Amino acid sequence: MFTIAPQSSSGAGHVVYLHGGSYVFQIDPLHWKLIARLVRATGTTFTVPIMPLAPDGRASVVVDRAASIVQSVVADVGAENVSVMGDSSGGGMAMAVSMELRDRKLPPLRSIVLIAPWLDISGTDPMLAEIAPRDPWLAVPGTHAAGALYRAELDESDWRVSPIHGDLTGLAPITVFTGTRDLVHADALRLRDRAQKEGIALDFHVGEGMIHDYPLLPIPEAAEARSVIERAITR
């Protein structure tokens, strides 16, 4: 577990960042670059757990342990100063961890920031067939196989692996980034629709023509997304 802090203490808050990689790939330099930029821009401290990868890292264990990491940070600085952030599979984990913390009766966190969140590992959304030909990065067979390794003994609809099926009530304000050429855009749209129907606070940002994890990439649209993220984790 790594802690990335500003050179001088600013008291701006604390983020626990859960990295993507389909639960089977390790943290990438793009993750570290994003975190470094956000630390410099906001004075926020980041805690970055390096989770065990599937199949050794099973959802039934990893979600519980990740929630305990966030809970320990909350004990140190207070829930109102803590955000959970994740991209791709880490975005799905961030949602599941937030639900677990709510069920542990912790107060709502400052914010939940989801970049291209993977919220349903089943690969059954009808919209996937429309998006898949335009996604240069992800494909349903590969993501479904990775999700199966991560879920292990859990059902595909279990909220720990497919948090789109979980209860959204009582969570912190959620900020979402999604690209229209991203396979998991279908998941983000379902989350948006559920949030609207259930009256859940959701700040939703669509990158037209953007691919998976676009806020991590060296493109102008990523800089715009980072500005939104900075506000979400410091509000």
Protein backbone atom coordinates (compact mmCIF):
# COMPACT_ATOMS: atom_id res chain seq x y z
CA MET A 1 0.00 0.00 0.00
CA PHE A 2 1.43 3.35 -1.08
CA THR A 3 0.77 6.84 0.27
CA ILE A 4 1.32 9.78 -2.08
CA ALA A 5 1.22 13.09 -0.26
CA PRO A 6 1.84 16.74 -1.17
CA GLN A 7 5.21 18.20 -0.22
CA SER A 8 3.57 20.34 2.44
CA SER A 9 0.53 19.32 4.46
CA SER A 10 -2.59 21.12 3.25
CA GLY A 11 -5.39 19.25 5.00
CA ALA A 12 -7.22 19.11 1.67
CA GLY A 13 -8.52 15.61 2.21
CA HIS A 14 -7.68 12.01 1.48
CA VAL A 15 -8.47 9.75 -1.48
CA VAL A 16 -8.26 5.96 -1.59
CA TYR A 17 -7.59 5.06 -5.23
CA LEU A 18 -8.50 1.58 -6.51
CA HIS A 19 -6.78 0.92 -9.82
CA GLY A 20 -8.24 -0.77 -12.87
CA GLY A 21 -6.93 -3.70 -14.88
CA SER A 22 -9.89 -6.08 -15.19
CA TYR A 23 -8.94 -7.48 -11.78
CA VAL A 24 -6.14 -9.45 -13.47
CA PHE A 25 -3.60 -6.75 -14.48
CA GLN A 26 -1.36 -4.76 -12.18
CA ILE A 27 -1.36 -0.99 -11.71
CA ASP A 28 -0.12 0.96 -14.76
CA PRO A 29 2.12 4.04 -15.13
CA LEU A 30 -0.96 5.93 -16.37
CA HIS A 31 -2.51 5.44 -12.95
CA TRP A 32 0.53 6.86 -11.18
CA LYS A 33 0.64 9.87 -13.52
CA LEU A 34 -3.01 10.67 -12.85
CA ILE A 35 -2.53 10.36 -9.10
CA ALA A 36 0.58 12.55 -9.14
CA ARG A 37 -1.22 15.26 -11.11
CA LEU A 38 -4.15 15.25 -8.70
CA VAL A 39 -1.89 15.38 -5.63
CA ARG A 40 -0.02 18.36 -7.04
CA ALA A 41 -3.18 20.17 -8.15
CA THR A 42 -5.24 19.70 -5.00
CA GLY A 43 -2.86 19.02 -2.09
CA THR A 44 -4.87 15.86 -1.43
CA THR A 45 -3.18 12.75 -0.03
CA PHE A 46 -3.76 9.48 -1.91
CA THR A 47 -3.62 5.97 -0.53
CA VAL A 48 -3.15 3.34 -3.26
CA PRO A 49 -3.60 -0.32 -2.30
CA ILE A 50 -1.98 -2.87 -4.61
CA MET A 51 -4.60 -5.58 -4.55
CA PRO A 52 -3.96 -9.28 -5.13
CA LEU A 53 -4.94 -10.16 -8.69
CA ALA A 54 -7.53 -12.74 -9.68
CA PRO A 55 -7.76 -15.66 -9.34
CA ASP A 56 -5.79 -15.31 -6.08
CA GLY A 57 -7.65 -12.09 -5.32
CA ARG A 58 -11.32 -13.09 -5.00
CA ALA A 59 -14.09 -10.51 -4.72
CA SER A 60 -15.46 -11.99 -1.51
CA VAL A 61 -12.13 -11.24 0.17
CA VAL A 62 -10.84 -8.20 -1.73
CA VAL A 63 -13.93 -6.00 -1.30
CA ASP A 64 -13.92 -6.61 2.44
CA ARG A 65 -10.22 -5.82 2.77
CA ALA A 66 -10.42 -2.73 0.57
CA ALA A 67 -13.34 -1.47 2.66
CA SER A 68 -11.27 -1.98 5.80
CA ILE A 69 -8.47 0.11 4.28
CA VAL A 70 -10.90 2.96 3.61
CA GLN A 71 -12.39 2.54 7.08
CA SER A 72 -8.94 2.94 8.64
CA VAL A 73 -8.41 6.19 6.73
CA VAL A 74 -11.84 7.40 7.87
CA ALA A 75 -10.86 6.64 11.47
CA ASP A 76 -7.81 8.89 11.04
CA VAL A 77 -9.29 11.91 9.22
CA GLY A 78 -13.09 11.58 9.29
CA ALA A 79 -15.51 10.36 6.61
CA GLU A 80 -16.25 13.90 5.43
CA ASN A 81 -12.62 14.25 4.36
CA VAL A 82 -12.32 10.91 2.51
CA SER A 83 -13.16 10.07 -1.10
CA VAL A 84 -13.03 6.73 -2.89
CA MET A 85 -11.92 6.78 -6.50
CA GLY A 86 -11.36 4.08 -9.10
CA ASP A 87 -11.14 3.41 -12.80
CA SER A 88 -12.53 0.49 -14.81
CA SER A 89 -12.56 -2.57 -12.54
CA GLY A 90 -11.32 -0.29 -9.79
CA GLY A 91 -14.40 1.83 -10.39
CA GLY A 92 -16.59 -1.21 -9.86
CA MET A 93 -14.63 -2.02 -6.72
CA ALA A 94 -15.01 1.59 -5.51
CA MET A 95 -18.79 1.27 -5.78
CA ALA A 96 -18.81 -2.09 -4.00
CA VAL A 97 -16.52 -0.77 -1.26
CA SER A 98 -18.76 2.26 -0.78
CA MET A 99 -21.77 -0.02 -0.40
CA GLU A 100 -19.90 -2.19 2.10
CA LEU A 101 -18.92 0.87 4.15
CA ARG A 102 -22.52 2.05 4.17
CA ASP A 103 -23.60 -1.36 5.38
CA ARG A 104 -20.99 -1.09 8.15
CA LYS A 105 -22.87 2.06 9.25
CA LEU A 106 -20.06 4.49 8.46
CA PRO A 107 -21.11 8.08 7.69
CA PRO A 108 -21.19 9.01 3.96
CA LEU A 109 -17.81 9.82 2.45
CA ARG A 110 -16.98 13.13 0.79
CA SER A 111 -17.34 11.71 -2.72
CA ILE A 112 -17.16 8.67 -4.96
CA VAL A 113 -15.35 9.23 -8.28
CA LEU A 114 -15.75 6.59 -10.98
CA ILE A 115 -13.74 6.63 -14.21
CA ALA A 116 -15.17 4.25 -16.84
CA PRO A 117 -16.56 2.01 -14.08
CA TRP A 118 -17.11 -1.68 -14.80
CA LEU A 119 -20.32 -2.29 -12.89
CA ASP A 120 -21.65 -5.53 -14.39
CA ILE A 121 -19.31 -8.43 -15.10
CA SER A 122 -21.99 -10.59 -16.77
CA GLY A 123 -21.49 -9.16 -20.27
CA THR A 124 -25.21 -9.54 -21.00
CA ASP A 125 -26.29 -5.93 -21.58
CA PRO A 126 -27.84 -5.73 -25.10
CA MET A 127 -26.07 -2.40 -25.68
CA LEU A 128 -22.68 -4.15 -25.66
CA ALA A 129 -23.26 -5.49 -29.16
CA GLU A 130 -23.65 -1.92 -30.39
CA ILE A 131 -20.59 -0.55 -28.61
CA ALA A 132 -18.17 -3.46 -29.07
CA PRO A 133 -17.31 -2.82 -32.75
CA ARG A 134 -16.29 0.75 -31.88
CA ASP A 135 -14.21 -0.08 -28.80
CA PRO A 136 -10.50 -0.50 -29.72
CA TRP A 137 -9.51 -1.62 -26.23
CA LEU A 138 -12.04 -3.94 -24.56
CA ALA A 139 -13.94 -7.00 -25.78
CA VAL A 140 -16.75 -8.93 -24.12
CA PRO A 141 -15.10 -12.40 -24.14
CA GLY A 142 -11.95 -11.15 -22.41
CA THR A 143 -13.70 -9.04 -19.79
CA HIS A 144 -16.18 -11.81 -19.08
CA ALA A 145 -13.36 -14.32 -18.54
CA ALA A 146 -11.52 -11.92 -16.22
CA GLY A 147 -14.71 -11.23 -14.30
CA ALA A 148 -15.26 -14.96 -13.82
CA LEU A 149 -11.81 -15.32 -12.24
CA TYR A 150 -12.51 -12.44 -9.87
CA ARG A 151 -16.00 -13.47 -8.79
CA ALA A 152 -14.92 -17.07 -8.02
CA GLU A 153 -17.71 -18.55 -5.88
CA LEU A 154 -20.00 -15.52 -6.18
CA ASP A 155 -22.87 -15.20 -8.63
CA GLU A 156 -22.44 -12.76 -11.51
CA SER A 157 -25.26 -10.65 -10.10
CA ASP A 158 -23.69 -10.33 -6.63
CA TRP A 159 -23.25 -6.63 -5.82
CA ARG A 160 -19.62 -7.20 -4.84
CA VAL A 161 -18.75 -8.04 -8.46
CA SER A 162 -21.64 -6.30 -10.25
CA PRO A 163 -22.47 -3.29 -8.10
CA ILE A 164 -25.07 -2.13 -10.63
CA HIS A 165 -27.30 -4.56 -8.72
CA GLY A 166 -26.47 -3.06 -5.33
CA ASP A 167 -28.39 -0.55 -3.21
CA LEU A 168 -27.50 3.06 -4.03
CA THR A 169 -29.16 4.67 -1.04
CA GLY A 170 -27.03 6.36 1.59
CA LEU A 171 -23.91 6.70 -0.57
CA ALA A 172 -21.76 9.79 -1.02
CA PRO A 173 -22.26 12.02 -4.09
CA ILE A 174 -21.07 10.13 -7.17
CA THR A 175 -19.11 11.56 -10.11
CA VAL A 176 -18.89 9.41 -13.26
CA PHE A 177 -16.83 9.70 -16.46
CA THR A 178 -17.71 7.56 -19.45
CA GLY A 179 -16.78 7.49 -23.14
CA THR A 180 -19.17 6.56 -25.92
CA ARG A 181 -16.63 4.19 -27.55
CA ASP A 182 -16.08 2.32 -24.29
CA LEU A 183 -17.62 -1.09 -23.70
CA VAL A 184 -18.50 -0.22 -20.11
CA HIS A 185 -20.38 2.87 -21.28
CA ALA A 186 -23.43 0.60 -21.11
CA ASP A 187 -22.86 0.13 -17.37
CA ALA A 188 -22.51 3.87 -16.81
CA LEU A 189 -25.79 4.58 -18.60
CA ARG A 190 -27.60 2.03 -16.46
CA LEU A 191 -26.17 3.66 -13.34
CA ARG A 192 -27.31 7.08 -14.57
CA ASP A 193 -30.81 5.81 -15.23
CA ARG A 194 -31.05 4.14 -11.82
CA ALA A 195 -29.76 7.24 -10.04
CA GLN A 196 -32.29 9.47 -11.81
CA LYS A 197 -35.12 7.09 -10.98
CA GLU A 198 -34.11 6.74 -7.33
CA GLY A 199 -33.15 10.37 -6.70
CA ILE A 200 -29.45 9.66 -6.10
CA ALA A 201 -26.94 12.51 -6.49
CA LEU A 202 -24.90 11.80 -9.64
CA ASP A 203 -22.58 14.12 -11.58
CA PHE A 204 -22.43 12.43 -14.99
CA HIS A 205 -19.87 13.29 -17.70
CA VAL A 206 -19.97 11.76 -21.19
CA GLY A 207 -16.93 11.97 -23.47
CA GLU A 208 -18.31 11.83 -26.99
CA GLY A 209 -16.11 9.56 -29.10
CA MET A 210 -13.86 8.83 -26.12
CA ILE A 211 -12.43 5.38 -25.42
CA HIS A 212 -11.99 3.47 -22.17
CA ASP A 213 -10.35 5.34 -19.27
CA TYR A 214 -9.98 8.51 -21.33
CA PRO A 215 -9.35 10.76 -18.26
CA LEU A 216 -6.04 8.91 -17.79
CA LEU A 217 -4.81 9.54 -21.33
CA PRO A 218 -2.57 12.39 -22.59
CA ILE A 219 -5.38 14.20 -24.44
CA PRO A 220 -7.16 17.55 -23.92
CA GLU A 221 -10.37 15.84 -22.85
CA ALA A 222 -8.48 14.23 -19.97
CA ALA A 223 -7.38 17.64 -18.67
CA GLU A 224 -11.00 18.76 -18.62
CA ALA A 225 -12.00 15.62 -16.72
CA ARG A 226 -9.22 16.13 -14.17
CA SER A 227 -10.55 19.60 -13.40
CA VAL A 228 -13.90 18.05 -12.54
CA ILE A 229 -12.21 15.38 -10.42
CA GLU A 230 -10.25 18.04 -8.52
CA ARG A 231 -13.49 19.76 -7.56
CA ALA A 232 -15.13 16.47 -6.55
CA ILE A 233 -12.38 15.44 -4.15
CA THR A 234 -11.96 18.87 -2.54
CA ARG A 235 -15.58 20.04 -2.20
